[in-house]
């Protein structure tokens, strides 16, 4: 397996980057492309960035079609509906919809008595997409400052409430999310958004987008000082414009 590069932030914190498999390369390439459809030759070319053989990429494509991740038509591969939803979340994470926070919290409490493992997993995935955190089993919450649509799975398994905690909401937020850990990695990723090989920039870009998906996007009142979220987003937008242009040229699209 290919090893990813390692960079450091301004404080010397090491930032190992996740190695990319053939499947990861295909997904990252398509998720970053609008519309998310590319010919096989372009995806094979993306794999070559990491020394991945053409046969390995084509095998990954076949398996991803069989698994329902991709659909293939006339030599072009497209994301399926499930992964289109992931792309929409990824796009939203770069510019999340927010509104002024009035102090209220969204609270979701599981009320369904019997749930199959698949139903539990589906709810957990939905909660992560909605950026709710689990206070205890079956109880999820977050500040009510985000604009998004709730999927049907919430109404099927949960009752929804709004309210305000009696204690310090900033302390509650700090127990629900590892804010210091998220900020430390965000700073390291921002330091990694710099000139380098196309493969290095590809891996850094994928890592930033994964990290933005994990941002709780809390109101400023609940965040530590010098929160790096918006700074990382601004820096990434500048980086991404040049990176995507270079990548398109390399892929021949």
Protein backbone atom coordinates (compact mmCIF):
# COMPACT_ATOMS: atom_id res chain seq x y z
CA UNK A 1 0.00 0.00 0.00
CA UNK A 2 1.24 3.48 -0.84
CA UNK A 3 2.34 5.62 2.05
CA UNK A 4 1.07 9.16 2.19
CA UNK A 5 3.24 12.22 2.77
CA UNK A 6 3.72 13.66 6.21
CA UNK A 7 3.68 17.38 6.87
CA UNK A 8 3.83 19.54 9.97
CA UNK A 9 1.98 22.60 11.14
CA UNK A 10 3.64 25.72 12.48
CA UNK A 11 3.95 24.13 15.93
CA UNK A 12 5.68 21.03 14.60
CA UNK A 13 2.64 18.73 14.89
CA UNK A 14 3.04 15.74 12.57
CA UNK A 15 0.27 15.19 10.04
CA UNK A 16 0.30 11.71 8.52
CA UNK A 17 -2.06 11.46 5.56
CA UNK A 18 -4.21 8.43 4.84
CA UNK A 19 -2.91 6.23 2.00
CA UNK A 20 -5.31 6.08 -0.93
CA UNK A 21 -6.46 2.74 -2.32
CA UNK A 22 -7.68 2.42 -5.89
CA UNK A 23 -11.25 2.76 -4.61
CA UNK A 24 -10.35 5.87 -2.62
CA UNK A 25 -8.71 7.47 -5.64
CA UNK A 26 -11.78 6.82 -7.80
CA UNK A 27 -14.18 8.15 -5.17
CA UNK A 28 -12.12 11.23 -4.34
CA UNK A 29 -11.76 12.06 -8.03
CA UNK A 30 -15.48 11.74 -8.75
CA UNK A 31 -16.59 13.46 -5.53
CA UNK A 32 -14.48 16.46 -6.46
CA UNK A 33 -15.78 16.65 -10.03
CA UNK A 34 -19.02 18.35 -11.10
CA UNK A 35 -20.93 16.61 -12.52
CA UNK A 36 -19.47 13.45 -10.90
CA UNK A 37 -19.01 11.47 -14.11
CA UNK A 38 -15.71 10.64 -15.82
CA UNK A 39 -14.44 8.22 -18.47
CA UNK A 40 -12.51 5.18 -17.34
CA UNK A 41 -9.30 6.51 -18.93
CA UNK A 42 -9.38 9.57 -16.63
CA UNK A 43 -9.87 7.42 -13.52
CA UNK A 44 -7.05 5.12 -14.61
CA UNK A 45 -4.89 8.20 -15.04
CA UNK A 46 -5.76 9.30 -11.50
CA UNK A 47 -4.63 5.94 -10.20
CA UNK A 48 -1.30 6.37 -11.97
CA UNK A 49 -0.58 9.34 -9.69
CA UNK A 50 -0.09 6.81 -6.89
CA UNK A 51 1.58 4.04 -8.88
CA UNK A 52 -1.66 2.06 -9.10
CA UNK A 53 -1.76 -0.24 -12.11
CA UNK A 54 -4.49 0.17 -14.72
CA UNK A 55 -5.78 -3.35 -14.03
CA UNK A 56 -6.13 -2.57 -10.33
CA UNK A 57 -8.16 0.57 -11.04
CA UNK A 58 -10.40 -1.25 -13.53
CA UNK A 59 -10.97 -4.06 -11.03
CA UNK A 60 -11.95 -1.46 -8.42
CA UNK A 61 -14.37 0.13 -10.90
CA UNK A 62 -16.02 -3.24 -11.61
CA UNK A 63 -16.40 -3.96 -7.90
CA UNK A 64 -17.79 -0.48 -7.20
CA UNK A 65 -20.43 -0.93 -9.91
CA UNK A 66 -21.36 -4.31 -8.43
CA UNK A 67 -21.61 -2.76 -4.96
CA UNK A 68 -23.90 0.02 -6.17
CA UNK A 69 -21.38 2.82 -5.65
CA UNK A 70 -21.07 3.61 -9.35
CA UNK A 71 -23.05 3.17 -12.52
CA UNK A 72 -21.37 2.68 -15.86
CA UNK A 73 -22.63 3.79 -19.23
CA UNK A 74 -20.68 3.94 -22.50
CA UNK A 75 -17.34 3.84 -20.71
CA UNK A 76 -18.25 6.63 -18.30
CA UNK A 77 -18.59 6.05 -14.56
CA UNK A 78 -21.00 8.08 -12.42
CA UNK A 79 -21.74 8.25 -8.73
CA UNK A 80 -25.00 6.61 -7.69
CA UNK A 81 -27.67 8.40 -5.66
CA UNK A 82 -26.21 7.41 -2.29
CA UNK A 83 -22.84 8.88 -3.14
CA UNK A 84 -24.42 11.92 -4.75
CA UNK A 85 -25.80 12.64 -1.27
CA UNK A 86 -22.26 12.35 0.10
CA UNK A 87 -21.02 14.80 -2.52
CA UNK A 88 -23.77 17.23 -1.52
CA UNK A 89 -22.68 16.95 2.13
CA UNK A 90 -19.07 17.49 1.09
CA UNK A 91 -20.02 20.59 -0.87
CA UNK A 92 -22.09 21.87 2.04
CA UNK A 93 -19.19 21.35 4.45
CA UNK A 94 -17.19 23.90 2.44
CA UNK A 95 -19.90 26.56 2.92
CA UNK A 96 -22.38 25.30 5.53
CA UNK A 97 -25.79 26.92 5.78
CA UNK A 98 -26.08 28.68 9.13
CA UNK A 99 -28.35 31.21 10.78
CA UNK A 100 -28.09 33.36 13.88
CA UNK A 101 -28.17 31.29 17.04
CA UNK A 102 -30.72 32.18 19.69
CA UNK A 103 -29.48 29.75 22.35
CA UNK A 104 -31.72 26.82 21.44
CA UNK A 105 -30.62 23.25 20.87
CA UNK A 106 -32.03 20.53 18.63
CA UNK A 107 -32.68 17.32 20.57
CA UNK A 108 -33.48 13.96 19.01
CA UNK A 109 -34.60 11.10 21.26
CA UNK A 110 -35.00 7.58 19.91
CA UNK A 111 -38.56 6.37 20.48
CA UNK A 112 -38.66 3.28 18.25
CA UNK A 113 -38.69 0.25 20.53
CA UNK A 114 -37.32 -2.38 18.16
CA UNK A 115 -34.76 -1.50 15.54
CA UNK A 116 -32.81 -3.74 13.21
CA UNK A 117 -29.03 -3.24 13.10
CA UNK A 118 -29.38 -1.68 9.65
CA UNK A 119 -31.89 0.84 11.03
CA UNK A 120 -29.55 1.75 13.87
CA UNK A 121 -26.67 2.20 11.45
CA UNK A 122 -28.83 4.31 9.15
CA UNK A 123 -29.82 6.61 12.00
CA UNK A 124 -26.23 6.98 13.15
CA UNK A 125 -25.15 7.93 9.64
CA UNK A 126 -27.98 10.46 9.42
CA UNK A 127 -27.03 12.01 12.76
CA UNK A 128 -23.42 12.38 11.64
CA UNK A 129 -24.56 14.04 8.41
CA UNK A 130 -26.75 16.43 10.42
CA UNK A 131 -23.81 17.14 12.78
CA UNK A 132 -25.66 16.00 15.89
CA UNK A 133 -23.63 14.46 18.74
CA UNK A 134 -24.71 11.61 21.02
CA UNK A 135 -25.05 12.69 24.65
CA UNK A 136 -26.01 9.18 25.70
CA UNK A 137 -27.42 6.19 23.88
CA UNK A 138 -30.55 7.25 22.03
CA UNK A 139 -30.19 10.98 22.76
CA UNK A 140 -28.63 13.28 20.18
CA UNK A 141 -28.32 17.06 20.20
CA UNK A 142 -26.61 20.17 18.88
CA UNK A 143 -27.10 23.96 18.85
CA UNK A 144 -29.92 24.97 16.51
CA UNK A 145 -27.88 27.13 14.13
CA UNK A 146 -27.78 25.03 10.95
CA UNK A 147 -29.99 25.14 7.88
CA UNK A 148 -30.57 21.68 6.41
CA UNK A 149 -33.30 19.16 5.60
CA UNK A 150 -33.94 16.30 8.00
CA UNK A 151 -34.11 12.88 6.35
CA UNK A 152 -37.17 10.64 6.91
CA UNK A 153 -35.19 8.27 9.14
CA UNK A 154 -35.37 10.82 11.97
CA UNK A 155 -39.17 10.92 11.99
CA UNK A 156 -39.26 7.13 11.72
CA UNK A 157 -37.08 6.49 14.76
CA UNK A 158 -36.99 9.68 16.86
CA UNK A 159 -39.00 12.41 18.52
CA UNK A 160 -37.56 15.91 17.99
CA UNK A 161 -37.49 18.70 20.58
CA UNK A 162 -35.88 22.07 21.08
CA UNK A 163 -34.61 23.45 24.37
CA UNK A 164 -31.76 25.13 26.22
CA UNK A 165 -29.34 23.48 28.68
CA UNK A 166 -29.37 24.72 32.25
CA UNK A 167 -25.59 24.77 32.51
CA UNK A 168 -22.89 26.41 30.42
CA UNK A 169 -23.59 25.54 26.76
CA UNK A 170 -19.90 25.96 25.86
CA UNK A 171 -18.97 23.32 28.45
CA UNK A 172 -21.63 21.01 27.06
CA UNK A 173 -20.31 21.50 23.53
CA UNK A 174 -16.79 20.68 24.70
CA UNK A 175 -18.03 17.35 26.13
CA UNK A 176 -19.85 16.45 22.91
CA UNK A 177 -17.06 17.24 20.44
CA UNK A 178 -13.27 17.04 20.62
CA UNK A 179 -12.85 20.69 19.69
CA UNK A 180 -9.16 20.90 20.58
CA UNK A 181 -8.41 17.80 18.53
CA UNK A 182 -10.36 19.08 15.53
CA UNK A 183 -8.63 22.46 15.72
CA UNK A 184 -5.15 20.92 15.96
CA UNK A 185 -5.66 18.82 12.84
CA UNK A 186 -7.28 21.76 11.02
CA UNK A 187 -4.18 23.86 11.67
CA UNK A 188 -1.92 21.07 10.44
CA UNK A 189 -4.01 20.62 7.30
CA UNK A 190 -3.97 24.33 6.58
CA UNK A 191 -0.17 24.26 6.79
CA UNK A 192 -0.19 21.39 4.28
CA UNK A 193 -2.14 23.43 1.71
CA UNK A 194 0.94 24.53 -0.18
CA UNK A 195 2.77 23.73 -3.43
CA UNK A 196 3.84 20.13 -3.85
CA UNK A 197 3.50 17.21 -6.23
CA UNK A 198 0.06 16.61 -7.70
CA UNK A 199 -0.23 13.36 -5.73
CA UNK A 200 0.57 15.18 -2.48
CA UNK A 201 -1.97 17.90 -3.21
CA UNK A 202 -4.56 15.24 -4.11
CA UNK A 203 -4.11 13.53 -0.74
CA UNK A 204 -4.14 16.79 1.21
CA UNK A 205 -7.30 17.89 -0.59
CA UNK A 206 -9.06 14.63 0.26
CA UNK A 207 -7.95 14.93 3.89
CA UNK A 208 -9.24 18.51 4.20
CA UNK A 209 -12.64 17.57 2.78
CA UNK A 210 -12.95 14.63 5.20
CA UNK A 211 -12.02 16.94 8.06
CA UNK A 212 -14.55 19.61 7.11
CA UNK A 213 -17.25 16.94 7.17
CA UNK A 214 -16.36 16.38 10.84
CA UNK A 215 -16.59 20.08 11.76
CA UNK A 216 -19.54 20.49 14.16
CA UNK A 217 -20.08 24.03 12.79
CA UNK A 218 -20.97 25.45 16.20
CA UNK A 219 -22.02 29.03 16.93
CA UNK A 220 -19.00 31.27 17.63
CA UNK A 221 -20.17 31.69 21.23
CA UNK A 222 -19.45 28.00 21.89
CA UNK A 223 -16.06 27.75 20.20
CA UNK A 224 -12.57 28.17 21.63
CA UNK A 225 -10.72 31.34 20.73
CA UNK A 226 -8.83 31.29 17.42
CA UNK A 227 -11.09 28.56 16.01
CA UNK A 228 -9.56 27.61 12.64
CA UNK A 229 -12.69 26.45 10.80
CA UNK A 230 -13.33 29.44 8.58
CA UNK A 231 -9.62 30.04 8.04
CA UNK A 232 -9.21 26.48 6.80
CA UNK A 233 -12.18 26.90 4.46
CA UNK A 234 -10.88 30.15 2.98
CA UNK A 235 -7.39 28.76 2.50
CA UNK A 236 -8.76 25.57 0.96
CA UNK A 237 -10.88 27.45 -1.59
CA UNK A 238 -7.77 29.25 -2.84
CA UNK A 239 -5.80 26.00 -2.92
CA UNK A 240 -8.61 24.03 -4.58
CA UNK A 241 -9.05 26.38 -7.56
CA UNK A 242 -5.45 25.85 -8.71
CA UNK A 243 -5.39 22.17 -7.74
CA UNK A 244 -8.56 21.30 -9.70
CA UNK A 245 -7.32 23.10 -12.80
CA UNK A 246 -4.02 21.21 -12.66
CA UNK A 247 -5.78 17.90 -12.02
CA UNK A 248 -8.16 18.38 -14.94
CA UNK A 249 -5.19 19.03 -17.22
CA UNK A 250 -3.44 15.90 -15.97
CA UNK A 251 -6.57 13.78 -16.43
CA UNK A 252 -7.17 15.19 -19.88
CA UNK A 253 -10.74 16.32 -19.21
